[in-house]
Amino acid sequence: MMSLNNKKIAAAVLAVTLAMSLSACGHWSKRDRNTAIGAGAGAIGGSVLTDGSTLGTLGGAAVGGIIGHQID
């Protein structure tokens, strides 16, 4: 079973991997990039706030994606 610190490290590694993979998408519109960045940040926040809960991570990603989509 993973400890809380290991879960936080795993979430951070996932976030960096996501950010690095999205940086290759130069043809995306600004709104698309904001949506993806918001979803990634929301997933990290949801994971940290709920101690690595899958539902918290997915909920955070959904909320972050919606907020990122609305920012112009």
PDB file of N, CA and C in Angstrom:
ATOM      1  N   MET A   1       0.835  -1.176   0.000  1.00  0.00           N
ATOM      2  CA  MET A   1       0.000   0.000   0.000  1.00  0.00           C
ATOM      3  C   MET A   1       0.886   1.248   0.000  1.00  0.00           C
ATOM      4  N   MET A   2       0.509   2.228  -0.791  1.00  0.00           N
ATOM      5  CA  MET A   2       1.319   3.440  -0.918  1.00  0.00           C
ATOM      6  C   MET A   2       1.050   4.386   0.250  1.00  0.00           C
ATOM      7  N   SER A   3       2.120   4.987   0.733  1.00  0.00           N
ATOM      8  CA  SER A   3       1.963   5.985   1.791  1.00  0.00           C
ATOM      9  C   SER A   3       1.535   7.308   1.163  1.00  0.00           C
ATOM     10  N   LEU A   4       1.139   8.241   2.005  1.00  0.00           N
ATOM     11  CA  LEU A   4       0.684   9.544   1.521  1.00  0.00           C
ATOM     12  C   LEU A   4       1.779  10.267   0.748  1.00  0.00           C
ATOM     13  N   ASN A   5       3.013  10.204   1.232  1.00  0.00           N
ATOM     14  CA  ASN A   5       4.124  10.863   0.529  1.00  0.00           C
ATOM     15  C   ASN A   5       4.355  10.241  -0.839  1.00  0.00           C
ATOM     16  N   ASN A   6       4.263   8.916  -0.929  1.00  0.00           N
ATOM     17  CA  ASN A   6       4.447   8.253  -2.222  1.00  0.00           C
ATOM     18  C   ASN A   6       3.345   8.645  -3.197  1.00  0.00           C
ATOM     19  N   LYS A   7       2.122   8.811  -2.697  1.00  0.00           N
ATOM     20  CA  LYS A   7       1.019   9.223  -3.558  1.00  0.00           C
ATOM     21  C   LYS A   7       1.238  10.640  -4.074  1.00  0.00           C
ATOM     22  N   LYS A   8       1.737  11.517  -3.213  1.00  0.00           N
ATOM     23  CA  LYS A   8       2.000  12.895  -3.637  1.00  0.00           C
ATOM     24  C   LYS A   8       3.107  12.932  -4.682  1.00  0.00           C
ATOM     25  N   ILE A   9       4.128  12.135  -4.482  1.00  0.00           N
ATOM     26  CA  ILE A   9       5.223  12.076  -5.451  1.00  0.00           C
ATOM     27  C   ILE A   9       4.718  11.534  -6.780  1.00  0.00           C
ATOM     28  N   ALA A  10       3.904  10.492  -6.727  1.00  0.00           N
ATOM     29  CA  ALA A  10       3.350   9.914  -7.957  1.00  0.00           C
ATOM     30  C   ALA A  10       2.476  10.929  -8.681  1.00  0.00           C
ATOM     31  N   ALA A  11       1.682  11.693  -7.945  1.00  0.00           N
ATOM     32  CA  ALA A  11       0.833  12.719  -8.563  1.00  0.00           C
ATOM     33  C   ALA A  11       1.689  13.803  -9.210  1.00  0.00           C
ATOM     34  N   ALA A  12       2.768  14.198  -8.553  1.00  0.00           N
ATOM     35  CA  ALA A  12       3.651  15.221  -9.107  1.00  0.00           C
ATOM     36  C   ALA A  12       4.333  14.724 -10.381  1.00  0.00           C
ATOM     37  N   VAL A  13       4.783  13.481 -10.375  1.00  0.00           N
ATOM     38  CA  VAL A  13       5.429  12.904 -11.559  1.00  0.00           C
ATOM     39  C   VAL A  13       4.425  12.835 -12.710  1.00  0.00           C
ATOM     40  N   LEU A  14       3.204  12.437 -12.398  1.00  0.00           N
ATOM     41  CA  LEU A  14       2.170  12.384 -13.427  1.00  0.00           C
ATOM     42  C   LEU A  14       1.898  13.769 -14.001  1.00  0.00           C
ATOM     43  N   ALA A  15       1.847  14.778 -13.150  1.00  0.00           N
ATOM     44  CA  ALA A  15       1.597  16.140 -13.606  1.00  0.00           C
ATOM     45  C   ALA A  15       2.718  16.633 -14.515  1.00  0.00           C
ATOM     46  N   VAL A  16       3.951  16.369 -14.143  1.00  0.00           N
ATOM     47  CA  VAL A  16       5.088  16.796 -14.967  1.00  0.00           C
ATOM     48  C   VAL A  16       5.069  16.067 -16.311  1.00  0.00           C
ATOM     49  N   THR A  17       4.757  14.787 -16.275  1.00  0.00           N
ATOM     50  CA  THR A  17       4.673  14.012 -17.516  1.00  0.00           C
ATOM     51  C   THR A  17       3.578  14.573 -18.419  1.00  0.00           C
ATOM     52  N   LEU A  18       2.443  14.889 -17.827  1.00  0.00           N
ATOM     53  CA  LEU A  18       1.342  15.459 -18.597  1.00  0.00           C
ATOM     54  C   LEU A  18       1.744  16.809 -19.195  1.00  0.00           C
ATOM     55  N   ALA A  19       2.350  17.652 -18.393  1.00  0.00           N
ATOM     56  CA  ALA A  19       2.768  18.969 -18.880  1.00  0.00           C
ATOM     57  C   ALA A  19       3.780  18.845 -20.011  1.00  0.00           C
ATOM     58  N   MET A  20       4.717  17.921 -19.872  1.00  0.00           N
ATOM     59  CA  MET A  20       5.732  17.732 -20.915  1.00  0.00           C
ATOM     60  C   MET A  20       5.090  17.214 -22.205  1.00  0.00           C
ATOM     61  N   SER A  21       4.135  16.302 -22.081  1.00  0.00           N
ATOM     62  CA  SER A  21       3.510  15.757 -23.288  1.00  0.00           C
ATOM     63  C   SER A  21       2.621  16.799 -23.964  1.00  0.00           C
ATOM     64  N   LEU A  22       1.999  17.667 -23.174  1.00  0.00           N
ATOM     65  CA  LEU A  22       1.151  18.695 -23.764  1.00  0.00           C
ATOM     66  C   LEU A  22       1.953  19.814 -24.410  1.00  0.00           C
ATOM     67  N   SER A  23       3.188  19.975 -24.007  1.00  0.00           N
ATOM     68  CA  SER A  23       4.000  21.042 -24.591  1.00  0.00           C
ATOM     69  C   SER A  23       4.285  20.787 -26.070  1.00  0.00           C
ATOM     70  N   ALA A  24       4.115  19.563 -26.515  1.00  0.00           N
ATOM     71  CA  ALA A  24       4.341  19.226 -27.916  1.00  0.00           C
ATOM     72  C   ALA A  24       3.139  19.579 -28.793  1.00  0.00           C
ATOM     73  N   CYS A  25       2.065  20.007 -28.194  1.00  0.00           N
ATOM     74  CA  CYS A  25       0.846  20.304 -28.945  1.00  0.00           C
ATOM     75  C   CYS A  25       0.773  21.782 -29.282  1.00  0.00           C
ATOM     76  N   GLY A  26       1.683  22.238 -30.114  1.00  0.00           N
ATOM     77  CA  GLY A  26       1.779  23.654 -30.454  1.00  0.00           C
ATOM     78  C   GLY A  26       0.655  24.155 -31.337  1.00  0.00           C
ATOM     79  N   HIS A  27      -0.034  23.268 -31.988  1.00  0.00           N
ATOM     80  CA  HIS A  27      -1.094  23.690 -32.896  1.00  0.00           C
ATOM     81  C   HIS A  27      -2.439  23.877 -32.181  1.00  0.00           C
ATOM     82  N   TRP A  28      -2.490  23.624 -30.883  1.00  0.00           N
ATOM     83  CA  TRP A  28      -3.732  23.779 -30.127  1.00  0.00           C
ATOM     84  C   TRP A  28      -4.076  25.256 -29.986  1.00  0.00           C
ATOM     85  N   SER A  29      -5.362  25.525 -29.879  1.00  0.00           N
ATOM     86  CA  SER A  29      -5.793  26.893 -29.614  1.00  0.00           C
ATOM     87  C   SER A  29      -5.515  27.225 -28.147  1.00  0.00           C
ATOM     88  N   LYS A  30      -5.583  28.502 -27.830  1.00  0.00           N
ATOM     89  CA  LYS A  30      -5.344  28.935 -26.451  1.00  0.00           C
ATOM     90  C   LYS A  30      -6.370  28.308 -25.514  1.00  0.00           C
ATOM     91  N   ARG A  31      -7.609  28.212 -25.941  1.00  0.00           N
ATOM     92  CA  ARG A  31      -8.674  27.621 -25.118  1.00  0.00           C
ATOM     93  C   ARG A  31      -8.389  26.140 -24.866  1.00  0.00           C
ATOM     94  N   ASP A  32      -7.930  25.409 -25.862  1.00  0.00           N
ATOM     95  CA  ASP A  32      -7.593  23.995 -25.689  1.00  0.00           C
ATOM     96  C   ASP A  32      -6.471  23.821 -24.670  1.00  0.00           C
ATOM     97  N   ARG A  33      -5.438  24.657 -24.785  1.00  0.00           N
ATOM     98  CA  ARG A  33      -4.321  24.579 -23.834  1.00  0.00           C
ATOM     99  C   ARG A  33      -4.786  24.908 -22.426  1.00  0.00           C
ATOM    100  N   ASN A  34      -5.609  25.951 -22.278  1.00  0.00           N
ATOM    101  CA  ASN A  34      -6.113  26.305 -20.958  1.00  0.00           C
ATOM    102  C   ASN A  34      -6.950  25.180 -20.352  1.00  0.00           C
ATOM    103  N   THR A  35      -7.737  24.507 -21.181  1.00  0.00           N
ATOM    104  CA  THR A  35      -8.543  23.389 -20.694  1.00  0.00           C
ATOM    105  C   THR A  35      -7.651  22.258 -20.196  1.00  0.00           C
ATOM    106  N   ALA A  36      -6.641  21.916 -20.974  1.00  0.00           N
ATOM    107  CA  ALA A  36      -5.741  20.828 -20.587  1.00  0.00           C
ATOM    108  C   ALA A  36      -4.941  21.183 -19.334  1.00  0.00           C
ATOM    109  N   ILE A  37      -4.455  22.405 -19.262  1.00  0.00           N
ATOM    110  CA  ILE A  37      -3.697  22.830 -18.089  1.00  0.00           C
ATOM    111  C   ILE A  37      -4.592  22.853 -16.860  1.00  0.00           C
ATOM    112  N   GLY A  38      -5.807  23.354 -17.017  1.00  0.00           N
ATOM    113  CA  GLY A  38      -6.753  23.372 -15.902  1.00  0.00           C
ATOM    114  C   GLY A  38      -7.091  21.979 -15.419  1.00  0.00           C
ATOM    115  N   ALA A  39      -7.267  21.053 -16.350  1.00  0.00           N
ATOM    116  CA  ALA A  39      -7.572  19.669 -15.962  1.00  0.00           C
ATOM    117  C   ALA A  39      -6.400  19.041 -15.218  1.00  0.00           C
ATOM    118  N   GLY A  40      -5.189  19.299 -15.688  1.00  0.00           N
ATOM    119  CA  GLY A  40      -4.010  18.756 -15.001  1.00  0.00           C
ATOM    120  C   GLY A  40      -3.841  19.333 -13.608  1.00  0.00           C
ATOM    121  N   ALA A  41      -4.003  20.637 -13.502  1.00  0.00           N
ATOM    122  CA  ALA A  41      -3.870  21.277 -12.187  1.00  0.00           C
ATOM    123  C   ALA A  41      -4.991  20.841 -11.254  1.00  0.00           C
ATOM    124  N   GLY A  42      -6.188  20.711 -11.785  1.00  0.00           N
ATOM    125  CA  GLY A  42      -7.315  20.251 -10.972  1.00  0.00           C
ATOM    126  C   GLY A  42      -7.129  18.823 -10.496  1.00  0.00           C
ATOM    127  N   ALA A  43      -6.568  17.978 -11.346  1.00  0.00           N
ATOM    128  CA  ALA A  43      -6.313  16.594 -10.952  1.00  0.00           C
ATOM    129  C   ALA A  43      -5.301  16.527  -9.813  1.00  0.00           C
ATOM    130  N   ILE A  44      -4.275  17.336  -9.901  1.00  0.00           N
ATOM    131  CA  ILE A  44      -3.279  17.372  -8.828  1.00  0.00           C
ATOM    132  C   ILE A  44      -3.921  17.871  -7.543  1.00  0.00           C
ATOM    133  N   GLY A  45      -4.656  18.966  -7.638  1.00  0.00           N
ATOM    134  CA  GLY A  45      -5.314  19.518  -6.458  1.00  0.00           C
ATOM    135  C   GLY A  45      -6.301  18.542  -5.844  1.00  0.00           C
ATOM    136  N   GLY A  46      -7.101  17.908  -6.672  1.00  0.00           N
ATOM    137  CA  GLY A  46      -8.075  16.942  -6.172  1.00  0.00           C
ATOM    138  C   GLY A  46      -7.409  15.752  -5.524  1.00  0.00           C
ATOM    139  N   SER A  47      -6.313  15.303  -6.099  1.00  0.00           N
ATOM    140  CA  SER A  47      -5.578  14.172  -5.534  1.00  0.00           C
ATOM    141  C   SER A  47      -4.971  14.523  -4.184  1.00  0.00           C
ATOM    142  N   VAL A  48      -4.364  15.690  -4.094  1.00  0.00           N
ATOM    143  CA  VAL A  48      -3.730  16.102  -2.845  1.00  0.00           C
ATOM    144  C   VAL A  48      -4.776  16.334  -1.758  1.00  0.00           C
ATOM    145  N   LEU A  49      -5.863  16.999  -2.107  1.00  0.00           N
ATOM    146  CA  LEU A  49      -6.885  17.324  -1.109  1.00  0.00           C
ATOM    147  C   LEU A  49      -7.637  16.105  -0.590  1.00  0.00           C
ATOM    148  N   THR A  50      -7.723  15.058  -1.410  1.00  0.00           N
ATOM    149  CA  THR A  50      -8.465  13.863  -0.997  1.00  0.00           C
ATOM    150  C   THR A  50      -7.544  12.688  -0.686  1.00  0.00           C
ATOM    151  N   ASP A  51      -6.275  12.962  -0.458  1.00  0.00           N
ATOM    152  CA  ASP A  51      -5.287  11.929  -0.127  1.00  0.00           C
ATOM    153  C   ASP A  51      -5.201  10.831  -1.185  1.00  0.00           C
ATOM    154  N   GLY A  52      -5.239  11.214  -2.429  1.00  0.00           N
ATOM    155  CA  GLY A  52      -5.034  10.270  -3.524  1.00  0.00           C
ATOM    156  C   GLY A  52      -6.276   9.524  -3.962  1.00  0.00           C
ATOM    157  N   SER A  53      -7.441   9.960  -3.540  1.00  0.00           N
ATOM    158  CA  SER A  53      -8.687   9.308  -3.935  1.00  0.00           C
ATOM    159  C   SER A  53      -8.894   9.433  -5.443  1.00  0.00           C
ATOM    160  N   THR A  54      -9.283   8.349  -6.076  1.00  0.00           N
ATOM    161  CA  THR A  54      -9.537   8.368  -7.517  1.00  0.00           C
ATOM    162  C   THR A  54     -10.668   9.321  -7.848  1.00  0.00           C
ATOM    163  N   LEU A  55     -11.727   9.276  -7.062  1.00  0.00           N
ATOM    164  CA  LEU A  55     -12.863  10.152  -7.304  1.00  0.00           C
ATOM    165  C   LEU A  55     -12.468  11.617  -7.140  1.00  0.00           C
ATOM    166  N   GLY A  56     -11.654  11.916  -6.135  1.00  0.00           N
ATOM    167  CA  GLY A  56     -11.187  13.284  -5.926  1.00  0.00           C
ATOM    168  C   GLY A  56     -10.313  13.760  -7.069  1.00  0.00           C
ATOM    169  N   THR A  57      -9.469  12.878  -7.583  1.00  0.00           N
ATOM    170  CA  THR A  57      -8.601  13.228  -8.705  1.00  0.00           C
ATOM    171  C   THR A  57      -9.418  13.500  -9.963  1.00  0.00           C
ATOM    172  N   LEU A  58     -10.373  12.625 -10.255  1.00  0.00           N
ATOM    173  CA  LEU A  58     -11.211  12.816 -11.441  1.00  0.00           C
ATOM    174  C   LEU A  58     -12.109  14.045 -11.307  1.00  0.00           C
ATOM    175  N   GLY A  59     -12.637  14.255 -10.116  1.00  0.00           N
ATOM    176  CA  GLY A  59     -13.464  15.434  -9.881  1.00  0.00           C
ATOM    177  C   GLY A  59     -12.665  16.713 -10.039  1.00  0.00           C
ATOM    178  N   GLY A  60     -11.449  16.720  -9.495  1.00  0.00           N
ATOM    179  CA  GLY A  60     -10.582  17.881  -9.640  1.00  0.00           C
ATOM    180  C   GLY A  60     -10.228  18.146 -11.090  1.00  0.00           C
ATOM    181  N   ALA A  61      -9.984  17.075 -11.846  1.00  0.00           N
ATOM    182  CA  ALA A  61      -9.668  17.238 -13.269  1.00  0.00           C
ATOM    183  C   ALA A  61     -10.859  17.820 -14.024  1.00  0.00           C
ATOM    184  N   ALA A  62     -12.050  17.354 -13.697  1.00  0.00           N
ATOM    185  CA  ALA A  62     -13.249  17.860 -14.377  1.00  0.00           C
ATOM    186  C   ALA A  62     -13.474  19.336 -14.063  1.00  0.00           C
ATOM    187  N   VAL A  63     -13.399  19.692 -12.794  1.00  0.00           N
ATOM    188  CA  VAL A  63     -13.611  21.083 -12.397  1.00  0.00           C
ATOM    189  C   VAL A  63     -12.512  21.978 -12.987  1.00  0.00           C
ATOM    190  N   GLY A  64     -11.270  21.530 -12.898  1.00  0.00           N
ATOM    191  CA  GLY A  64     -10.164  22.310 -13.454  1.00  0.00           C
ATOM    192  C   GLY A  64     -10.285  22.487 -14.959  1.00  0.00           C
ATOM    193  N   GLY A  65     -10.725  21.442 -15.651  1.00  0.00           N
ATOM    194  CA  GLY A  65     -10.908  21.541 -17.099  1.00  0.00           C
ATOM    195  C   GLY A  65     -11.992  22.530 -17.478  1.00  0.00           C
ATOM    196  N   ILE A  66     -13.067  22.542 -16.702  1.00  0.00           N
ATOM    197  CA  ILE A  66     -14.157  23.490 -16.963  1.00  0.00           C
ATOM    198  C   ILE A  66     -13.680  24.922 -16.723  1.00  0.00           C
ATOM    199  N   ILE A  67     -12.994  25.120 -15.618  1.00  0.00           N
ATOM    200  CA  ILE A  67     -12.487  26.465 -15.318  1.00  0.00           C
ATOM    201  C   ILE A  67     -11.477  26.903 -16.375  1.00  0.00           C
ATOM    202  N   GLY A  68     -10.567  26.013 -16.735  1.00  0.00           N
ATOM    203  CA  GLY A  68      -9.580  26.346 -17.760  1.00  0.00           C
ATOM    204  C   GLY A  68     -10.232  26.664 -19.098  1.00  0.00           C
ATOM    205  N   HIS A  69     -11.311  25.988 -19.418  1.00  0.00           N
ATOM    206  CA  HIS A  69     -12.014  26.229 -20.682  1.00  0.00           C
ATOM    207  C   HIS A  69     -12.658  27.603 -20.692  1.00  0.00           C
ATOM    208  N   GLN A  70     -13.101  28.073 -19.539  1.00  0.00           N
ATOM    209  CA  GLN A  70     -13.780  29.360 -19.456  1.00  0.00           C
ATOM    210  C   GLN A  70     -12.828  30.546 -19.456  1.00  0.00           C
ATOM    211  N   ILE A  71     -11.561  30.301 -19.089  1.00  0.00           N
ATOM    212  CA  ILE A  71     -10.575  31.388 -19.066  1.00  0.00           C
ATOM    213  C   ILE A  71     -10.137  31.666 -20.501  1.00  0.00           C
ATOM    214  N   ASP A  72     -10.175  32.923 -20.880  1.00  0.00           N
ATOM    215  CA  ASP A  72      -9.814  33.264 -22.263  1.00  0.00           C
ATOM    216  C   ASP A  72      -8.661  34.216 -22.308  1.00  0.00           C
TER     217      ASP A  72
END
